[in-house]
Amino acid sequence: NPSGIGYEPWHWYWVGEPAGLCPRPGLTCDPKGNAP
């Protein structure tokens, strides 16, 4: 990567979900970020 930071396979950044993306059937999550 051009940032000069070493390879980090564990590090993921949320850029926002693609428009129209639906969760997999049976998965729900409330607006506060809680999930079973």
Full PDB file with SEQRES, HELIX, SHEET, SSBOND, CRYST1, ORIGX, SCALE, CONECT and MASTER records, all heavy atoms in Angstrom:
SEQRES   1 A   36  ASN PRO SER GLY ILE GLY TYR GLU PRO TRP HIS TRP TYR          
SEQRES   2 A   36  TRP VAL GLY GLU PRO ALA GLY LEU CYS PRO ARG PRO GLY          
SEQRES   3 A   36  LEU THR CYS ASP PRO LYS GLY ASN ALA PRO                      
CRYST1    1.000    1.000    1.000  90.00  90.00  90.00 P 1           1          
ORIGX1      1.000000  0.000000  0.000000        0.00000                         
ORIGX2      0.000000  1.000000  0.000000        0.00000                         
ORIGX3      0.000000  0.000000  1.000000        0.00000                         
SCALE1      1.000000  0.000000  0.000000        0.00000                         
SCALE2      0.000000  1.000000  0.000000        0.00000                         
SCALE3      0.000000  0.000000  1.000000        0.00000                         
ATOM      1  N   ASN A   1       0.841  -1.200   0.000  1.00  0.00           N  
ATOM      2  CA  ASN A   1       0.000   0.000   0.000  1.00  0.00           C  
ATOM      3  C   ASN A   1       0.880   1.256   0.000  1.00  0.00           C  
ATOM      4  O   ASN A   1       2.007   1.241   0.510  1.00  0.00           O  
ATOM      5  CB  ASN A   1      -0.950  -0.011   1.193  1.00  0.00           C  
ATOM      6  CG  ASN A   1      -0.244   0.166   2.523  1.00  0.00           C  
ATOM      7  OD1 ASN A   1       0.089   1.275   2.918  1.00  0.00           O  
ATOM      8  ND2 ASN A   1      -0.002  -0.950   3.224  1.00  0.00           N  
ATOM      9  N   PRO A   2       0.379   2.373  -0.564  1.00  0.00           N  
ATOM     10  CA  PRO A   2       1.203   3.580  -0.716  1.00  0.00           C  
ATOM     11  C   PRO A   2       1.347   4.407   0.565  1.00  0.00           C  
ATOM     12  O   PRO A   2       2.078   5.396   0.564  1.00  0.00           O  
ATOM     13  CB  PRO A   2       0.443   4.384  -1.777  1.00  0.00           C  
ATOM     14  CG  PRO A   2      -0.986   3.976  -1.594  1.00  0.00           C  
ATOM     15  CD  PRO A   2      -0.940   2.513  -1.221  1.00  0.00           C  
ATOM     16  N   SER A   3       0.678   4.005   1.635  1.00  0.00           N  
ATOM     17  CA  SER A   3       0.711   4.814   2.856  1.00  0.00           C  
ATOM     18  C   SER A   3       1.981   4.649   3.661  1.00  0.00           C  
ATOM     19  O   SER A   3       2.233   5.422   4.587  1.00  0.00           O  
ATOM     20  CB  SER A   3      -0.485   4.447   3.750  1.00  0.00           C  
ATOM     21  OG  SER A   3      -0.323   3.134   4.259  1.00  0.00           O  
ATOM     22  N   GLY A   4       2.777   3.619   3.337  1.00  0.00           N  
ATOM     23  CA  GLY A   4       3.992   3.369   4.107  1.00  0.00           C  
ATOM     24  C   GLY A   4       3.757   2.569   5.362  1.00  0.00           C  
ATOM     25  O   GLY A   4       4.689   2.335   6.138  1.00  0.00           O  
ATOM     26  N   ILE A   5       2.531   2.136   5.598  1.00  0.00           N  
ATOM     27  CA  ILE A   5       2.213   1.293   6.747  1.00  0.00           C  
ATOM     28  C   ILE A   5       2.264  -0.165   6.293  1.00  0.00           C  
ATOM     29  O   ILE A   5       1.832  -0.502   5.190  1.00  0.00           O  
ATOM     30  CB  ILE A   5       0.828   1.644   7.323  1.00  0.00           C  
ATOM     31  CG1 ILE A   5       0.879   3.048   7.940  1.00  0.00           C  
ATOM     32  CG2 ILE A   5       0.383   0.629   8.378  1.00  0.00           C  
ATOM     33  CD1 ILE A   5      -0.445   3.555   8.462  1.00  0.00           C  
ATOM     34  N   GLY A   6       2.827  -1.023   7.137  1.00  0.00           N  
ATOM     35  CA  GLY A   6       2.987  -2.423   6.773  1.00  0.00           C  
ATOM     36  C   GLY A   6       1.663  -3.139   6.552  1.00  0.00           C  
ATOM     37  O   GLY A   6       0.586  -2.634   6.896  1.00  0.00           O  
ATOM     38  N   TYR A   7       1.749  -4.318   5.983  1.00  0.00           N  
ATOM     39  CA  TYR A   7       0.582  -5.146   5.678  1.00  0.00           C  
ATOM     40  C   TYR A   7      -0.185  -5.461   6.965  1.00  0.00           C  
ATOM     41  O   TYR A   7       0.372  -5.975   7.926  1.00  0.00           O  
ATOM     42  CB  TYR A   7       1.055  -6.426   5.012  1.00  0.00           C  
ATOM     43  CG  TYR A   7      -0.019  -7.424   4.663  1.00  0.00           C  
ATOM     44  CD1 TYR A   7      -1.235  -7.023   4.118  1.00  0.00           C  
ATOM     45  CD2 TYR A   7       0.204  -8.786   4.845  1.00  0.00           C  
ATOM     46  CE1 TYR A   7      -2.214  -7.955   3.776  1.00  0.00           C  
ATOM     47  CE2 TYR A   7      -0.756  -9.724   4.498  1.00  0.00           C  
ATOM     48  CZ  TYR A   7      -1.958  -9.308   3.974  1.00  0.00           C  
ATOM     49  OH  TYR A   7      -2.917 -10.233   3.640  1.00  0.00           O  
ATOM     50  N   GLU A   8      -1.494  -5.141   6.978  1.00  0.00           N  
ATOM     51  CA  GLU A   8      -2.344  -5.381   8.145  1.00  0.00           C  
ATOM     52  C   GLU A   8      -3.621  -6.103   7.705  1.00  0.00           C  
ATOM     53  O   GLU A   8      -4.652  -5.466   7.457  1.00  0.00           O  
ATOM     54  CB  GLU A   8      -2.684  -4.067   8.850  1.00  0.00           C  
ATOM     55  CG  GLU A   8      -1.472  -3.366   9.445  1.00  0.00           C  
ATOM     56  CD  GLU A   8      -1.853  -2.228  10.390  1.00  0.00           C  
ATOM     57  OE1 GLU A   8      -3.058  -1.912  10.484  1.00  0.00           O  
ATOM     58  OE2 GLU A   8      -0.939  -1.675  11.017  1.00  0.00           O  
ATOM     59  N   PRO A   9      -3.582  -7.421   7.606  1.00  0.00           N  
ATOM     60  CA  PRO A   9      -4.778  -8.145   7.169  1.00  0.00           C  
ATOM     61  C   PRO A   9      -5.936  -8.061   8.154  1.00  0.00           C  
ATOM     62  O   PRO A   9      -7.071  -8.369   7.785  1.00  0.00           O  
ATOM     63  CB  PRO A   9      -4.276  -9.591   7.030  1.00  0.00           C  
ATOM     64  CG  PRO A   9      -3.064  -9.675   7.907  1.00  0.00           C  
ATOM     65  CD  PRO A   9      -2.431  -8.320   7.844  1.00  0.00           C  
ATOM     66  N   TRP A  10      -5.668  -7.630   9.363  1.00  0.00           N  
ATOM     67  CA  TRP A  10      -6.695  -7.547  10.406  1.00  0.00           C  
ATOM     68  C   TRP A  10      -7.450  -6.214  10.413  1.00  0.00           C  
ATOM     69  O   TRP A  10      -8.483  -6.100  11.047  1.00  0.00           O  
ATOM     70  CB  TRP A  10      -6.038  -7.729  11.768  1.00  0.00           C  
ATOM     71  CG  TRP A  10      -4.978  -6.687  12.034  1.00  0.00           C  
ATOM     72  CD1 TRP A  10      -5.157  -5.414  12.524  1.00  0.00           C  
ATOM     73  CD2 TRP A  10      -3.568  -6.818  11.786  1.00  0.00           C  
ATOM     74  NE1 TRP A  10      -3.958  -4.757  12.597  1.00  0.00           N  
ATOM     75  CE2 TRP A  10      -2.969  -5.580  12.151  1.00  0.00           C  
ATOM     76  CE3 TRP A  10      -2.762  -7.848  11.298  1.00  0.00           C  
ATOM     77  CZ2 TRP A  10      -1.590  -5.369  12.046  1.00  0.00           C  
ATOM     78  CZ3 TRP A  10      -1.400  -7.632  11.192  1.00  0.00           C  
ATOM     79  CH2 TRP A  10      -0.823  -6.404  11.560  1.00  0.00           C  
ATOM     80  N   HIS A  11      -6.942  -5.193   9.734  1.00  0.00           N  
ATOM     81  CA  HIS A  11      -7.455  -3.829   9.879  1.00  0.00           C  
ATOM     82  C   HIS A  11      -8.443  -3.492   8.757  1.00  0.00           C  
ATOM     83  O   HIS A  11      -8.067  -3.430   7.584  1.00  0.00           O  
ATOM     84  CB  HIS A  11      -6.284  -2.834   9.871  1.00  0.00           C  
ATOM     85  CG  HIS A  11      -6.694  -1.407  10.031  1.00  0.00           C  
ATOM     86  ND1 HIS A  11      -6.505  -0.697  11.205  1.00  0.00           N  
ATOM     87  CD2 HIS A  11      -7.289  -0.539   9.171  1.00  0.00           C  
ATOM     88  CE1 HIS A  11      -6.959   0.540  11.044  1.00  0.00           C  
ATOM     89  NE2 HIS A  11      -7.449   0.653   9.810  1.00  0.00           N  
ATOM     90  N   TRP A  12      -9.690  -3.241   9.146  1.00  0.00           N  
ATOM     91  CA  TRP A  12     -10.767  -2.955   8.185  1.00  0.00           C  
ATOM     92  C   TRP A  12     -11.456  -1.657   8.569  1.00  0.00           C  
ATOM     93  O   TRP A  12     -11.710  -1.392   9.739  1.00  0.00           O  
ATOM     94  CB  TRP A  12     -11.764  -4.111   8.168  1.00  0.00           C  
ATOM     95  CG  TRP A  12     -11.147  -5.396   7.698  1.00  0.00           C  
ATOM     96  CD1 TRP A  12     -10.358  -6.245   8.434  1.00  0.00           C  
ATOM     97  CD2 TRP A  12     -11.220  -5.952   6.387  1.00  0.00           C  
ATOM     98  NE1 TRP A  12      -9.935  -7.292   7.660  1.00  0.00           N  
ATOM     99  CE2 TRP A  12     -10.458  -7.153   6.405  1.00  0.00           C  
ATOM    100  CE3 TRP A  12     -11.866  -5.569   5.213  1.00  0.00           C  
ATOM    101  CZ2 TRP A  12     -10.321  -7.956   5.277  1.00  0.00           C  
ATOM    102  CZ3 TRP A  12     -11.737  -6.379   4.097  1.00  0.00           C  
ATOM    103  CH2 TRP A  12     -10.968  -7.557   4.132  1.00  0.00           C  
ATOM    104  N   TYR A  13     -11.761  -0.854   7.549  1.00  0.00           N  
ATOM    105  CA  TYR A  13     -12.359   0.475   7.758  1.00  0.00           C  
ATOM    106  C   TYR A  13     -13.727   0.522   7.091  1.00  0.00           C  
ATOM    107  O   TYR A  13     -13.880   0.131   5.932  1.00  0.00           O  
ATOM    108  CB  TYR A  13     -11.436   1.545   7.158  1.00  0.00           C  
ATOM    109  CG  TYR A  13     -11.917   2.959   7.312  1.00  0.00           C  
ATOM    110  CD1 TYR A  13     -11.851   3.602   8.546  1.00  0.00           C  
ATOM    111  CD2 TYR A  13     -12.418   3.671   6.226  1.00  0.00           C  
ATOM    112  CE1 TYR A  13     -12.272   4.917   8.686  1.00  0.00           C  
ATOM    113  CE2 TYR A  13     -12.845   4.983   6.357  1.00  0.00           C  
ATOM    114  CZ  TYR A  13     -12.766   5.600   7.597  1.00  0.00           C  
ATOM    115  OH  TYR A  13     -13.185   6.900   7.730  1.00  0.00           O  
ATOM    116  N   TRP A  14     -14.712   1.017   7.827  1.00  0.00           N  
ATOM    117  CA  TRP A  14     -16.076   1.076   7.315  1.00  0.00           C  
ATOM    118  C   TRP A  14     -16.255   2.349   6.496  1.00  0.00           C  
ATOM    119  O   TRP A  14     -16.144   3.457   7.013  1.00  0.00           O  
ATOM    120  CB  TRP A  14     -17.079   1.049   8.457  1.00  0.00           C  
ATOM    121  CG  TRP A  14     -18.497   0.868   8.000  1.00  0.00           C  
ATOM    122  CD1 TRP A  14     -19.085  -0.277   7.567  1.00  0.00           C  
ATOM    123  CD2 TRP A  14     -19.513   1.873   7.958  1.00  0.00           C  
ATOM    124  NE1 TRP A  14     -20.406  -0.068   7.248  1.00  0.00           N  
ATOM    125  CE2 TRP A  14     -20.694   1.249   7.472  1.00  0.00           C  
ATOM    126  CE3 TRP A  14     -19.551   3.228   8.268  1.00  0.00           C  
ATOM    127  CZ2 TRP A  14     -21.892   1.944   7.299  1.00  0.00           C  
ATOM    128  CZ3 TRP A  14     -20.732   3.910   8.096  1.00  0.00           C  
ATOM    129  CH2 TRP A  14     -21.887   3.275   7.620  1.00  0.00           C  
ATOM    130  N   VAL A  15     -16.518   2.173   5.207  1.00  0.00           N  
ATOM    131  CA  VAL A  15     -16.698   3.310   4.310  1.00  0.00           C  
ATOM    132  C   VAL A  15     -18.171   3.559   4.008  1.00  0.00           C  
ATOM    133  O   VAL A  15     -18.520   4.513   3.308  1.00  0.00           O  
ATOM    134  CB  VAL A  15     -15.929   3.106   2.987  1.00  0.00           C  
ATOM    135  CG1 VAL A  15     -14.434   3.076   3.247  1.00  0.00           C  
ATOM    136  CG2 VAL A  15     -16.368   1.837   2.277  1.00  0.00           C  
ATOM    137  N   GLY A  16     -19.062   2.700   4.515  1.00  0.00           N  
ATOM    138  CA  GLY A  16     -20.488   2.816   4.235  1.00  0.00           C  
ATOM    139  C   GLY A  16     -20.929   1.688   3.327  1.00  0.00           C  
ATOM    140  O   GLY A  16     -20.196   1.280   2.421  1.00  0.00           O  
ATOM    141  N   GLU A  17     -22.115   1.172   3.570  1.00  0.00           N  
ATOM    142  CA  GLU A  17     -22.588   0.022   2.806  1.00  0.00           C  
ATOM    143  C   GLU A  17     -23.059   0.451   1.418  1.00  0.00           C  
ATOM    144  O   GLU A  17     -23.622   1.536   1.249  1.00  0.00           O  
ATOM    145  CB  GLU A  17     -23.714  -0.679   3.562  1.00  0.00           C  
ATOM    146  CG  GLU A  17     -23.228  -1.278   4.873  1.00  0.00           C  
ATOM    147  CD  GLU A  17     -24.315  -1.998   5.619  1.00  0.00           C  
ATOM    148  OE1 GLU A  17     -25.404  -2.190   5.043  1.00  0.00           O  
ATOM    149  OE2 GLU A  17     -24.083  -2.364   6.783  1.00  0.00           O  
ATOM    150  N   PRO A  18     -22.841  -0.402   0.419  1.00  0.00           N  
ATOM    151  CA  PRO A  18     -23.325  -0.090  -0.929  1.00  0.00           C  
ATOM    152  C   PRO A  18     -24.826   0.138  -0.927  1.00  0.00           C  
ATOM    153  O   PRO A  18     -25.560  -0.492  -0.170  1.00  0.00           O  
ATOM    154  CB  PRO A  18     -22.953  -1.343  -1.732  1.00  0.00           C  
ATOM    155  CG  PRO A  18     -21.849  -1.989  -0.952  1.00  0.00           C  
ATOM    156  CD  PRO A  18     -22.132  -1.670   0.491  1.00  0.00           C  
ATOM    157  N   ALA A  19     -25.290   1.047  -1.754  1.00  0.00           N  
ATOM    158  CA  ALA A  19     -26.719   1.344  -1.821  1.00  0.00           C  
ATOM    159  C   ALA A  19     -27.505   0.085  -2.164  1.00  0.00           C  
ATOM    160  O   ALA A  19     -27.133  -0.675  -3.056  1.00  0.00           O  
ATOM    161  CB  ALA A  19     -26.976   2.415  -2.877  1.00  0.00           C  
ATOM    162  N   GLY A  20     -28.595  -0.111  -1.445  1.00  0.00           N  
ATOM    163  CA  GLY A  20     -29.475  -1.235  -1.733  1.00  0.00           C  
ATOM    164  C   GLY A  20     -29.028  -2.547  -1.134  1.00  0.00           C  
ATOM    165  O   GLY A  20     -29.668  -3.576  -1.348  1.00  0.00           O  
ATOM    166  N   LEU A  21     -27.910  -2.552  -0.391  1.00  0.00           N  
ATOM    167  CA  LEU A  21     -27.451  -3.794   0.201  1.00  0.00           C  
ATOM    168  C   LEU A  21     -28.411  -4.246   1.289  1.00  0.00           C  
ATOM    169  O   LEU A  21     -28.765  -3.473   2.176  1.00  0.00           O  
ATOM    170  CB  LEU A  21     -26.056  -3.616   0.806  1.00  0.00           C  
ATOM    171  CG  LEU A  21     -25.472  -4.843   1.509  1.00  0.00           C  
ATOM    172  CD1 LEU A  21     -25.182  -5.936   0.493  1.00  0.00           C  
ATOM    173  CD2 LEU A  21     -24.203  -4.478   2.262  1.00  0.00           C  
ATOM    174  N   CYS A  22     -28.835  -5.478   1.249  1.00  0.00           N  
ATOM    175  CA  CYS A  22     -29.727  -6.039   2.258  1.00  0.00           C  
ATOM    176  C   CYS A  22     -28.953  -7.056   3.083  1.00  0.00           C  
ATOM    177  O   CYS A  22     -28.151  -7.817   2.556  1.00  0.00           O  
ATOM    178  CB  CYS A  22     -30.918  -6.733   1.613  1.00  0.00           C  
ATOM    179  SG  CYS A  22     -32.006  -5.599   0.726  1.00  0.00           S  
ATOM    180  N   PRO A  23     -29.187  -7.102   4.399  1.00  0.00           N  
ATOM    181  CA  PRO A  23     -28.546  -8.129   5.214  1.00  0.00           C  
ATOM    182  C   PRO A  23     -28.988  -9.511   4.758  1.00  0.00           C  
ATOM    183  O   PRO A  23     -30.031  -9.678   4.133  1.00  0.00           O  
ATOM    184  CB  PRO A  23     -29.056  -7.824   6.632  1.00  0.00           C  
ATOM    185  CG  PRO A  23     -29.565  -6.427   6.583  1.00  0.00           C  
ATOM    186  CD  PRO A  23     -30.050  -6.229   5.172  1.00  0.00           C  
ATOM    187  N   ARG A  24     -28.196 -10.524   5.085  1.00  0.00           N  
ATOM    188  CA  ARG A  24     -28.582 -11.891   4.771  1.00  0.00           C  
ATOM    189  C   ARG A  24     -29.869 -12.243   5.492  1.00  0.00           C  
ATOM    190  O   ARG A  24     -30.154 -11.718   6.572  1.00  0.00           O  
ATOM    191  CB  ARG A  24     -27.470 -12.861   5.182  1.00  0.00           C  
ATOM    192  CG  ARG A  24     -26.260 -12.777   4.287  1.00  0.00           C  
ATOM    193  CD  ARG A  24     -25.154 -13.685   4.731  1.00  0.00           C  
ATOM    194  NE  ARG A  24     -25.570 -15.093   4.764  1.00  0.00           N  
ATOM    195  CZ  ARG A  24     -24.705 -16.101   4.886  1.00  0.00           C  
ATOM    196  NH1 ARG A  24     -23.418 -15.840   4.992  1.00  0.00           N  
ATOM    197  NH2 ARG A  24     -25.105 -17.340   4.917  1.00  0.00           N  
ATOM    198  N   PRO A  25     -30.680 -13.123   4.924  1.00  0.00           N  
ATOM    199  CA  PRO A  25     -31.940 -13.504   5.565  1.00  0.00           C  
ATOM    200  C   PRO A  25     -31.715 -13.967   7.001  1.00  0.00           C  
ATOM    201  O   PRO A  25     -30.777 -14.707   7.285  1.00  0.00           O  
ATOM    202  CB  PRO A  25     -32.443 -14.655   4.682  1.00  0.00           C  
ATOM    203  CG  PRO A  25     -31.825 -14.391   3.350  1.00  0.00           C  
ATOM    204  CD  PRO A  25     -30.470 -13.797   3.643  1.00  0.00           C  
ATOM    205  N   GLY A  26     -32.571 -13.496   7.888  1.00  0.00           N  
ATOM    206  CA  GLY A  26     -32.504 -13.913   9.278  1.00  0.00           C  
ATOM    207  C   GLY A  26     -31.618 -13.072  10.156  1.00  0.00           C  
ATOM    208  O   GLY A  26     -31.532 -13.299  11.361  1.00  0.00           O  
ATOM    209  N   LEU A  27     -30.939 -12.075   9.577  1.00  0.00           N  
ATOM    210  CA  LEU A  27     -30.057 -11.226  10.358  1.00  0.00           C  
ATOM    211  C   LEU A  27     -30.699  -9.863  10.569  1.00  0.00           C  
ATOM    212  O   LEU A  27     -31.161  -9.243   9.620  1.00  0.00           O  
ATOM    213  CB  LEU A  27     -28.710 -11.037   9.648  1.00  0.00           C  
ATOM    214  CG  LEU A  27     -27.896 -12.307   9.388  1.00  0.00           C  
ATOM    215  CD1 LEU A  27     -26.562 -11.933   8.762  1.00  0.00           C  
ATOM    216  CD2 LEU A  27     -27.684 -13.104  10.661  1.00  0.00           C  
ATOM    217  N   THR A  28     -30.726  -9.405  11.784  1.00  0.00           N  
ATOM    218  CA  THR A  28     -31.257  -8.080  12.087  1.00  0.00           C  
ATOM    219  C   THR A  28     -30.306  -7.374  13.026  1.00  0.00           C  
ATOM    220  O   THR A  28     -29.521  -7.997  13.724  1.00  0.00           O  
ATOM    221  CB  THR A  28     -32.642  -8.167  12.764  1.00  0.00           C  
ATOM    222  OG1 THR A  28     -32.514  -8.906  13.993  1.00  0.00           O  
ATOM    223  CG2 THR A  28     -33.652  -8.847  11.855  1.00  0.00           C  
ATOM    224  N   CYS A  29     -30.392  -6.054  13.057  1.00  0.00           N  
ATOM    225  CA  CYS A  29     -29.544  -5.274  13.950  1.00  0.00           C  
ATOM    226  C   CYS A  29     -30.228  -3.955  14.212  1.00  0.00           C  
ATOM    227  O   CYS A  29     -30.719  -3.309  13.282  1.00  0.00           O  
ATOM    228  CB  CYS A  29     -28.174  -5.038  13.322  1.00  0.00           C  
ATOM    229  SG  CYS A  29     -26.985  -4.285  14.453  1.00  0.00           S  
ATOM    230  N   ASP A  30     -30.326  -3.545  15.471  1.00  0.00           N  
ATOM    231  CA  ASP A  30     -31.039  -2.306  15.749  1.00  0.00           C  
ATOM    232  C   ASP A  30     -30.144  -1.103  15.471  1.00  0.00           C  
ATOM    233  O   ASP A  30     -28.938  -1.236  15.283  1.00  0.00           O  
ATOM    234  CB  ASP A  30     -31.588  -2.300  17.183  1.00  0.00           C  
ATOM    235  CG  ASP A  30     -30.532  -2.110  18.264  1.00  0.00           C  
ATOM    236  OD1 ASP A  30     -29.475  -1.525  17.971  1.00  0.00           O  
ATOM    237  OD2 ASP A  30     -30.769  -2.528  19.403  1.00  0.00           O  
ATOM    238  N   PRO A  31     -30.713   0.107  15.407  1.00  0.00           N  
ATOM    239  CA  PRO A  31     -29.942   1.291  15.020  1.00  0.00           C  
ATOM    240  C   PRO A  31     -28.807   1.636  15.963  1.00  0.00           C  
ATOM    241  O   PRO A  31     -27.896   2.369  15.596  1.00  0.00           O  
ATOM    242  CB  PRO A  31     -31.001   2.405  14.997  1.00  0.00           C  
ATOM    243  CG  PRO A  31     -32.299   1.696  14.827  1.00  0.00           C  
ATOM    244  CD  PRO A  31     -32.145   0.392  15.537  1.00  0.00           C  
ATOM    245  N   LYS A  32     -28.849   1.131  17.210  1.00  0.00           N  
ATOM    246  CA  LYS A  32     -27.788   1.436  18.160  1.00  0.00           C  
ATOM    247  C   LYS A  32     -26.587   0.509  17.995  1.00  0.00           C  
ATOM    248  O   LYS A  32     -25.597   0.646  18.696  1.00  0.00           O  
ATOM    249  CB  LYS A  32     -28.320   1.336  19.592  1.00  0.00           C  
ATOM    250  CG  LYS A  32     -29.360   2.401  19.919  1.00  0.00           C  
ATOM    251  CD  LYS A  32     -29.780   2.310  21.367  1.00  0.00           C  
ATOM    252  CE  LYS A  32     -30.793   3.405  21.718  1.00  0.00           C  
ATOM    253  NZ  LYS A  32     -31.215   3.325  23.130  1.00  0.00           N  
ATOM    254  N   GLY A  33     -26.693  -0.450  17.082  1.00  0.00           N  
ATOM    255  CA  GLY A  33     -25.555  -1.326  16.841  1.00  0.00           C  
ATOM    256  C   GLY A  33     -25.585  -2.605  17.638  1.00  0.00           C  
ATOM    257  O   GLY A  33     -24.607  -3.349  17.656  1.00  0.00           O  
ATOM    258  N   ASN A  34     -26.695  -2.896  18.305  1.00  0.00           N  
ATOM    259  CA  ASN A  34     -26.778  -4.115  19.084  1.00  0.00           C  
ATOM    260  C   ASN A  34     -27.241  -5.280  18.216  1.00  0.00           C  
ATOM    261  O   ASN A  34     -28.011  -5.100  17.288  1.00  0.00           O  
ATOM    262  CB  ASN A  34     -27.760  -3.944  20.243  1.00  0.00           C  
ATOM    263  CG  ASN A  34     -27.316  -2.843  21.178  1.00  0.00           C  
ATOM    264  OD1 ASN A  34     -26.153  -2.789  21.559  1.00  0.00           O  
ATOM    265  ND2 ASN A  34     -28.227  -1.955  21.533  1.00  0.00           N  
ATOM    266  N   ALA A  35     -26.769  -6.457  18.521  1.00  0.00           N  
ATOM    267  CA  ALA A  35     -27.183  -7.639  17.782  1.00  0.00           C  
ATOM    268  C   ALA A  35     -27.114  -8.842  18.705  1.00  0.00           C  
ATOM    269  O   ALA A  35     -26.304  -8.874  19.631  1.00  0.00           O  
ATOM    270  CB  ALA A  35     -26.287  -7.865  16.572  1.00  0.00           C  
ATOM    271  N   PRO A  36     -27.965  -9.865  18.486  1.00  0.00           N  
ATOM    272  CA  PRO A  36     -27.902 -11.062  19.309  1.00  0.00           C  
ATOM    273  C   PRO A  36     -26.635 -11.840  19.025  1.00  0.00           C  
ATOM    274  O   PRO A  36     -26.101 -11.797  17.915  1.00  0.00           O  
ATOM    275  CB  PRO A  36     -29.145 -11.855  18.872  1.00  0.00           C  
ATOM    276  CG  PRO A  36     -29.409 -11.387  17.488  1.00  0.00           C  
ATOM    277  CD  PRO A  36     -29.018  -9.932  17.466  1.00  0.00           C  
TER     278      PRO A  36                                                      
MASTER        0    0    0    0    0    0    0    6  277    1    0    3          
END                                                                             
